[in-house]
Amino acid sequence: MKEWWLQVGLLGVPLLAVYLHIPPPQLSPALRSWKSSGSFFTYKDLNIFYRDSSGAVGSSDVVVLLHGFPTSSYDWSKIWEGLTQRFHRVIALDFLGFGFSDKPRPHGYSIFEQATIVEGLLRHLGLRHQRINLLSHDYGDTVAQELLHRYEHNRTGSILINSLCLSNGGIFPETYYPRFIQKLLKDGGLLSPLLLRLMNFFLFSGGLGAVFGPYTQPSQAELWDMWTAVRNNDGNLVMDSVLQYINQRKKHRERWVGALMSTSVPLHLIYGPLDPVNPHPEFLKLYKKVLPTSTVSVLDDHISHYPQLEDPLGFLNAYLNFINSF
């Protein structure tokens, strides 16, 4: 009996080793096109991916798009063309640790650093003195809040913010309910590296699909694109470090919610009400109470956590209505 178990063990070890080092999937034509349409700039010897498209003739307006966790700038692909018809320039980046950007490890990922990277990108693009419209989602909402805080306090190097539109993010820690796997990874200690090694497409797609509405589920091809972007540069191995943003939101709540409360910048929220992470009506009631001067667009009842992917036309129309209102 012992010899049988030994043989199984000897066979299982190399098989597990192979499994844990599966190479990342190849880029789909759509994802390859997205990457080839972008560029990289250097932040402290790290490569940051971004896209910068020229758009509407006769407009000088610039919009910068800030994506969520655990995905990438590709989240904005379904509304990209629509934005270029309104804005002179449409800019998006992959945050450090996401998408095609570098994913160093070990590394102390922080919202503060991501905001500094956005500032660095806009300096790189010669937009330091240009007023910028920010459109953000999820993780990007918190980066936008930090950028807003710096702008309101006239910090050196801060960007000039013309408007801010948030969408389905953990703006308030008290109404934010991260998924079980997120809590497990961020607080898993020595267990986290093992869990990250065991992460695969099926676990990833099941977890991500749970925050989409039942009638707006991403296709298999779309889920593979999201997973491919995560796996690029071994991004699955830094997710526990990146997830520390959840703790940072709690620690710096006064700073980041305070920035929204005190600003005179036009504010808007686009909200998918079926979101299990920022649930209705709890989140929306608090938002309207804390930020009564902000305007709000609530999308159809079946739209969930990724409104720009689940209802791109509704999301785009809501955003353009906001931009054209001031």
Protein backbone atom coordinates (compact mmCIF):
# COMPACT_ATOMS: atom_id res chain seq x y z
CA MET A 1 0.00 0.00 0.00
CA LYS A 2 2.79 2.42 0.91
CA GLU A 3 4.55 1.70 -2.38
CA TRP A 4 1.32 2.49 -4.28
CA TRP A 5 0.94 5.86 -2.59
CA LEU A 6 4.61 6.58 -3.20
CA GLN A 7 4.20 5.91 -6.92
CA VAL A 8 1.16 8.19 -7.06
CA GLY A 9 3.09 10.89 -5.24
CA LEU A 10 6.11 10.59 -7.52
CA LEU A 11 3.84 10.85 -10.54
CA GLY A 12 1.75 13.68 -9.09
CA VAL A 13 4.61 15.99 -8.19
CA PRO A 14 5.87 16.57 -11.75
CA LEU A 15 2.30 16.82 -13.03
CA LEU A 16 1.49 19.47 -10.42
CA ALA A 17 4.73 21.29 -11.26
CA VAL A 18 3.76 21.39 -14.92
CA TYR A 19 0.25 22.57 -14.04
CA LEU A 20 1.51 25.40 -11.89
CA HIS A 21 3.75 26.70 -14.67
CA ILE A 22 1.28 26.67 -17.53
CA PRO A 23 2.39 29.40 -19.94
CA PRO A 24 0.03 32.37 -20.36
CA PRO A 25 -2.53 32.07 -23.16
CA GLN A 26 -1.82 33.69 -26.50
CA LEU A 27 -3.34 37.08 -27.24
CA SER A 28 -6.54 36.94 -29.27
CA PRO A 29 -6.64 39.06 -32.45
CA ALA A 30 -8.80 41.63 -30.60
CA LEU A 31 -6.43 41.86 -27.66
CA ARG A 32 -3.39 41.92 -29.95
CA SER A 33 -4.95 44.80 -31.85
CA TRP A 34 -5.59 46.68 -28.60
CA LYS A 35 -1.97 46.25 -27.56
CA SER A 36 -0.55 47.19 -30.96
CA SER A 37 -2.62 50.39 -30.92
CA GLY A 38 -0.97 51.45 -27.68
CA SER A 39 2.45 52.48 -26.40
CA PHE A 40 4.56 52.31 -23.25
CA PHE A 41 6.11 54.96 -21.07
CA THR A 42 8.61 54.46 -18.28
CA TYR A 43 7.88 55.02 -14.63
CA LYS A 44 10.87 54.30 -12.36
CA ASP A 45 12.28 51.72 -14.82
CA LEU A 46 8.86 50.09 -15.10
CA ASN A 47 6.90 49.92 -18.35
CA ILE A 48 3.35 51.27 -18.26
CA PHE A 49 1.01 50.53 -21.17
CA TYR A 50 -1.37 53.20 -22.44
CA ARG A 51 -3.55 54.10 -25.40
CA ASP A 52 -3.95 57.63 -26.71
CA SER A 53 -6.38 58.18 -29.58
CA SER A 54 -7.06 61.43 -31.39
CA GLY A 55 -10.73 61.95 -31.93
CA ALA A 56 -13.23 64.69 -32.55
CA VAL A 57 -12.17 67.58 -34.77
CA GLY A 58 -12.89 70.98 -33.25
CA SER A 59 -12.84 69.73 -29.66
CA SER A 60 -10.02 70.34 -27.21
CA ASP A 61 -11.51 68.11 -24.50
CA VAL A 62 -9.47 65.23 -23.09
CA VAL A 63 -10.84 62.21 -21.22
CA VAL A 64 -8.69 59.82 -19.19
CA LEU A 65 -10.12 56.39 -18.40
CA LEU A 66 -9.21 54.55 -15.18
CA HIS A 67 -10.06 50.83 -15.12
CA GLY A 68 -10.99 48.43 -12.35
CA PHE A 69 -9.68 45.28 -10.63
CA PRO A 70 -8.64 42.72 -11.84
CA THR A 71 -8.97 43.74 -15.46
CA SER A 72 -7.33 46.39 -17.65
CA SER A 73 -7.79 49.30 -20.03
CA TYR A 74 -9.43 46.84 -22.41
CA ASP A 75 -12.57 47.30 -20.25
CA TRP A 76 -13.15 50.52 -22.20
CA SER A 77 -12.98 48.93 -25.66
CA LYS A 78 -16.75 48.87 -26.23
CA ILE A 79 -17.14 52.64 -25.72
CA TRP A 80 -13.77 53.74 -27.14
CA GLU A 81 -15.04 54.68 -30.59
CA GLY A 82 -18.01 56.53 -29.14
CA LEU A 83 -15.71 58.58 -26.90
CA THR A 84 -13.44 59.49 -29.82
CA GLN A 85 -16.44 61.06 -31.55
CA ARG A 86 -16.84 63.49 -28.65
CA PHE A 87 -13.33 64.08 -27.29
CA HIS A 88 -10.20 65.45 -28.90
CA ARG A 89 -8.14 62.81 -27.09
CA VAL A 90 -9.14 59.59 -25.36
CA ILE A 91 -6.47 58.15 -23.06
CA ALA A 92 -6.40 54.97 -21.00
CA LEU A 93 -3.65 53.11 -19.18
CA ASP A 94 -3.08 49.76 -17.57
CA PHE A 95 -2.23 50.41 -13.95
CA LEU A 96 0.98 48.92 -12.59
CA GLY A 97 0.28 45.25 -11.94
CA PHE A 98 -2.49 45.08 -14.57
CA GLY A 99 -2.88 44.27 -18.26
CA PHE A 100 0.21 44.88 -20.39
CA SER A 101 2.00 47.01 -17.80
CA ASP A 102 4.83 45.59 -15.72
CA LYS A 103 3.88 43.53 -12.67
CA PRO A 104 6.88 43.61 -10.33
CA ARG A 105 7.05 41.28 -7.35
CA PRO A 106 7.57 41.70 -4.54
CA HIS A 107 6.17 45.21 -4.68
CA GLY A 108 4.14 47.42 -2.38
CA TYR A 109 1.23 48.25 -4.68
CA SER A 110 -0.72 51.32 -3.59
CA ILE A 111 -3.40 53.70 -4.78
CA PHE A 112 -0.97 56.57 -4.14
CA GLU A 113 1.55 55.14 -6.59
CA GLN A 114 -1.10 54.50 -9.23
CA ALA A 115 -2.20 58.15 -8.98
CA THR A 116 1.42 59.25 -9.39
CA ILE A 117 1.67 57.05 -12.49
CA VAL A 118 -1.38 58.75 -14.00
CA GLU A 119 0.22 62.13 -13.33
CA GLY A 120 3.43 60.89 -14.92
CA LEU A 121 1.61 59.68 -18.02
CA LEU A 122 -0.08 63.03 -18.54
CA ARG A 123 3.27 64.84 -18.17
CA HIS A 124 4.72 62.38 -20.67
CA LEU A 125 1.92 63.27 -23.10
CA GLY A 126 2.40 67.01 -22.61
CA LEU A 127 -0.94 67.45 -20.83
CA ARG A 128 0.24 68.77 -17.49
CA HIS A 129 -1.55 72.12 -18.00
CA GLN A 130 -4.59 70.69 -19.80
CA ARG A 131 -7.87 70.31 -17.94
CA ILE A 132 -8.75 66.62 -17.83
CA ASN A 133 -12.06 64.78 -17.62
CA LEU A 134 -11.71 61.61 -15.54
CA LEU A 135 -13.92 58.58 -16.16
CA SER A 136 -13.32 55.75 -13.71
CA HIS A 137 -14.58 52.35 -12.66
CA ASP A 138 -14.11 50.21 -9.53
CA TYR A 139 -10.39 50.32 -8.51
CA GLY A 140 -10.04 53.34 -10.80
CA ASP A 141 -12.60 55.22 -8.71
CA THR A 142 -10.21 55.19 -5.76
CA VAL A 143 -7.30 56.34 -7.92
CA ALA A 144 -9.54 59.17 -9.16
CA GLN A 145 -10.37 60.12 -5.57
CA GLU A 146 -6.67 60.40 -4.75
CA LEU A 147 -6.08 62.49 -7.88
CA LEU A 148 -8.99 64.72 -6.83
CA HIS A 149 -7.53 65.12 -3.33
CA ARG A 150 -4.20 66.24 -4.80
CA TYR A 151 -5.92 68.65 -7.18
CA GLU A 152 -8.05 70.20 -4.43
CA HIS A 153 -4.97 70.65 -2.24
CA ASN A 154 -2.90 72.07 -5.11
CA ARG A 155 -0.20 69.45 -4.75
CA THR A 156 2.89 69.82 -6.94
CA GLY A 157 2.47 67.86 -10.15
CA SER A 158 -1.25 67.31 -9.68
CA ILE A 159 -3.40 67.18 -12.77
CA LEU A 160 -6.07 69.77 -13.52
CA ILE A 161 -9.43 68.05 -13.21
CA ASN A 162 -12.31 69.40 -15.26
CA SER A 163 -14.87 66.74 -14.26
CA LEU A 164 -15.08 63.35 -12.59
CA CYS A 165 -17.45 60.51 -13.42
CA LEU A 166 -17.36 57.45 -11.15
CA SER A 167 -18.91 54.05 -11.74
CA ASN A 168 -19.55 51.00 -9.54
CA GLY A 169 -16.59 51.30 -7.22
CA GLY A 170 -15.94 50.93 -3.49
CA ILE A 171 -16.17 54.65 -2.85
CA PHE A 172 -17.45 53.98 0.67
CA PRO A 173 -15.76 51.10 2.54
CA GLU A 174 -18.90 50.59 4.65
CA THR A 175 -21.04 49.68 1.62
CA TYR A 176 -18.34 47.70 -0.20
CA TYR A 177 -18.56 43.89 -0.15
CA PRO A 178 -15.51 42.27 -1.78
CA ARG A 179 -15.82 38.74 -3.08
CA PHE A 180 -14.75 35.87 -0.82
CA ILE A 181 -11.70 35.09 -2.96
CA GLN A 182 -10.57 38.71 -2.73
CA LYS A 183 -10.72 38.66 1.07
CA LEU A 184 -8.97 35.29 1.12
CA LEU A 185 -6.14 36.48 -1.11
CA LYS A 186 -5.52 39.82 0.57
CA ASP A 187 -5.42 38.31 4.06
CA GLY A 188 -4.16 34.83 3.19
CA GLY A 189 -0.59 35.31 4.35
CA LEU A 190 1.56 32.35 3.35
CA LEU A 191 -1.49 30.69 1.80
CA SER A 192 -1.94 33.42 -0.83
CA PRO A 193 1.03 32.46 -3.08
CA LEU A 194 -0.28 28.88 -3.27
CA LEU A 195 -3.80 30.04 -4.06
CA LEU A 196 -2.48 32.34 -6.77
CA ARG A 197 -0.51 29.49 -8.33
CA LEU A 198 -3.65 27.37 -8.35
CA MET A 199 -5.74 30.10 -9.97
CA ASN A 200 -6.91 29.09 -13.44
CA PHE A 201 -9.29 30.28 -16.13
CA PHE A 202 -12.27 28.36 -14.79
CA LEU A 203 -11.93 29.77 -11.27
CA PHE A 204 -11.29 33.24 -12.65
CA SER A 205 -14.21 33.20 -15.08
CA GLY A 206 -16.58 31.87 -12.44
CA GLY A 207 -15.61 34.61 -10.00
CA LEU A 208 -15.78 37.38 -12.56
CA GLY A 209 -19.02 36.14 -14.09
CA ALA A 210 -20.63 36.41 -10.65
CA VAL A 211 -20.35 40.21 -10.74
CA PHE A 212 -22.03 40.49 -14.15
CA GLY A 213 -25.79 40.44 -14.53
CA PRO A 214 -27.53 37.19 -15.55
CA TYR A 215 -28.51 38.63 -18.93
CA THR A 216 -25.24 40.48 -19.59
CA GLN A 217 -22.66 37.76 -19.04
CA PRO A 218 -19.39 38.15 -20.96
CA SER A 219 -18.78 35.64 -23.74
CA GLN A 220 -16.14 32.93 -23.38
CA ALA A 221 -13.94 34.89 -25.76
CA GLU A 222 -14.29 38.04 -23.63
CA LEU A 223 -13.49 36.12 -20.46
CA TRP A 224 -10.43 34.61 -22.11
CA ASP A 225 -9.28 38.10 -23.08
CA MET A 226 -9.65 39.25 -19.47
CA TRP A 227 -7.78 36.20 -18.19
CA THR A 228 -5.06 36.63 -20.82
CA ALA A 229 -4.51 40.21 -19.69
CA VAL A 230 -4.28 39.04 -16.07
CA ARG A 231 -1.82 36.25 -16.93
CA ASN A 232 0.36 38.57 -19.00
CA ASN A 233 3.68 39.14 -17.16
CA ASP A 234 2.51 36.69 -14.45
CA GLY A 235 -0.09 39.13 -13.19
CA ASN A 236 -1.96 36.38 -11.36
CA LEU A 237 0.98 36.17 -8.95
CA VAL A 238 0.66 39.79 -7.77
CA MET A 239 -3.08 39.87 -7.14
CA ASP A 240 -2.68 39.48 -3.38
CA SER A 241 -0.38 42.51 -3.29
CA VAL A 242 -2.65 44.60 -5.50
CA LEU A 243 -5.66 43.68 -3.36
CA GLN A 244 -4.24 45.63 -0.45
CA TYR A 245 -6.19 48.53 -1.93
CA ILE A 246 -9.16 47.22 0.05
CA ASN A 247 -7.33 47.90 3.30
CA GLN A 248 -6.07 51.22 1.94
CA ARG A 249 -9.65 52.33 1.28
CA LYS A 250 -10.54 51.78 4.93
CA LYS A 251 -7.40 53.45 6.23
CA HIS A 252 -7.73 56.54 4.03
CA ARG A 253 -11.52 56.85 3.94
CA GLU A 254 -11.52 60.37 5.34
CA ARG A 255 -9.02 61.55 2.73
CA TRP A 256 -10.73 59.96 -0.28
CA VAL A 257 -14.40 60.44 0.62
CA GLY A 258 -13.50 63.90 1.89
CA ALA A 259 -12.10 64.79 -1.53
CA LEU A 260 -15.50 64.08 -3.09
CA MET A 261 -17.39 65.96 -0.39
CA SER A 262 -15.33 69.14 -0.64
CA THR A 263 -14.76 69.44 -4.36
CA SER A 264 -16.33 71.97 -6.70
CA VAL A 265 -15.50 69.78 -9.71
CA PRO A 266 -18.63 68.49 -11.51
CA LEU A 267 -19.33 64.98 -10.21
CA HIS A 268 -21.40 62.21 -11.72
CA LEU A 269 -22.08 58.55 -10.94
CA ILE A 270 -23.07 55.89 -13.47
CA TYR A 271 -24.41 52.93 -11.55
CA GLY A 272 -25.38 49.37 -12.42
CA PRO A 273 -27.89 48.59 -9.62
CA LEU A 274 -27.55 44.78 -9.66
CA ASP A 275 -23.97 45.09 -8.41
CA PRO A 276 -23.31 42.60 -5.55
CA VAL A 277 -20.08 44.42 -4.63
CA ASN A 278 -21.71 47.84 -4.13
CA PRO A 279 -25.33 46.76 -3.63
CA HIS A 280 -28.52 48.65 -4.25
CA PRO A 281 -30.13 50.41 -2.48
CA GLU A 282 -27.57 50.61 0.32
CA PHE A 283 -24.76 52.09 -1.77
CA LEU A 284 -26.92 54.55 -3.70
CA LYS A 285 -28.66 55.87 -0.58
CA LEU A 286 -25.32 56.61 1.07
CA TYR A 287 -23.93 58.17 -2.12
CA LYS A 288 -26.84 60.58 -2.44
CA LYS A 289 -26.72 61.43 1.25
CA VAL A 290 -22.97 62.12 1.34
CA LEU A 291 -22.73 63.72 -2.12
CA PRO A 292 -26.06 65.50 -2.67
CA THR A 293 -24.69 67.82 -5.37
CA SER A 294 -23.51 64.95 -7.58
CA THR A 295 -25.69 63.90 -10.46
CA VAL A 296 -26.50 60.20 -10.89
CA SER A 297 -27.42 57.90 -13.77
CA VAL A 298 -28.90 54.55 -12.73
CA LEU A 299 -28.88 52.03 -15.57
CA ASP A 300 -31.42 49.25 -16.14
CA ASP A 301 -32.18 46.91 -13.25
CA HIS A 302 -30.29 43.98 -14.79
CA ILE A 303 -26.97 45.86 -15.16
CA SER A 304 -24.37 44.90 -12.58
CA HIS A 305 -20.75 45.69 -11.65
CA TYR A 306 -19.29 46.25 -15.16
CA PRO A 307 -21.78 48.70 -16.69
CA GLN A 308 -19.46 49.85 -19.50
CA LEU A 309 -19.27 46.25 -20.74
CA GLU A 310 -22.80 45.14 -19.90
CA ASP A 311 -24.59 48.17 -21.36
CA PRO A 312 -22.03 50.11 -23.39
CA LEU A 313 -24.59 52.25 -25.22
CA GLY A 314 -26.48 53.15 -22.04
CA PHE A 315 -23.21 53.86 -20.25
CA LEU A 316 -21.88 56.01 -23.08
CA ASN A 317 -25.10 58.01 -23.40
CA ALA A 318 -25.19 58.61 -19.64
CA TYR A 319 -21.62 59.85 -19.68
CA LEU A 320 -22.04 62.12 -22.70
CA ASN A 321 -25.21 63.60 -21.21
CA PHE A 322 -23.17 64.48 -18.12
CA ILE A 323 -20.27 65.95 -20.11
CA ASN A 324 -22.59 68.03 -22.25
CA SER A 325 -24.44 69.39 -19.19
CA PHE A 326 -21.78 71.89 -18.12
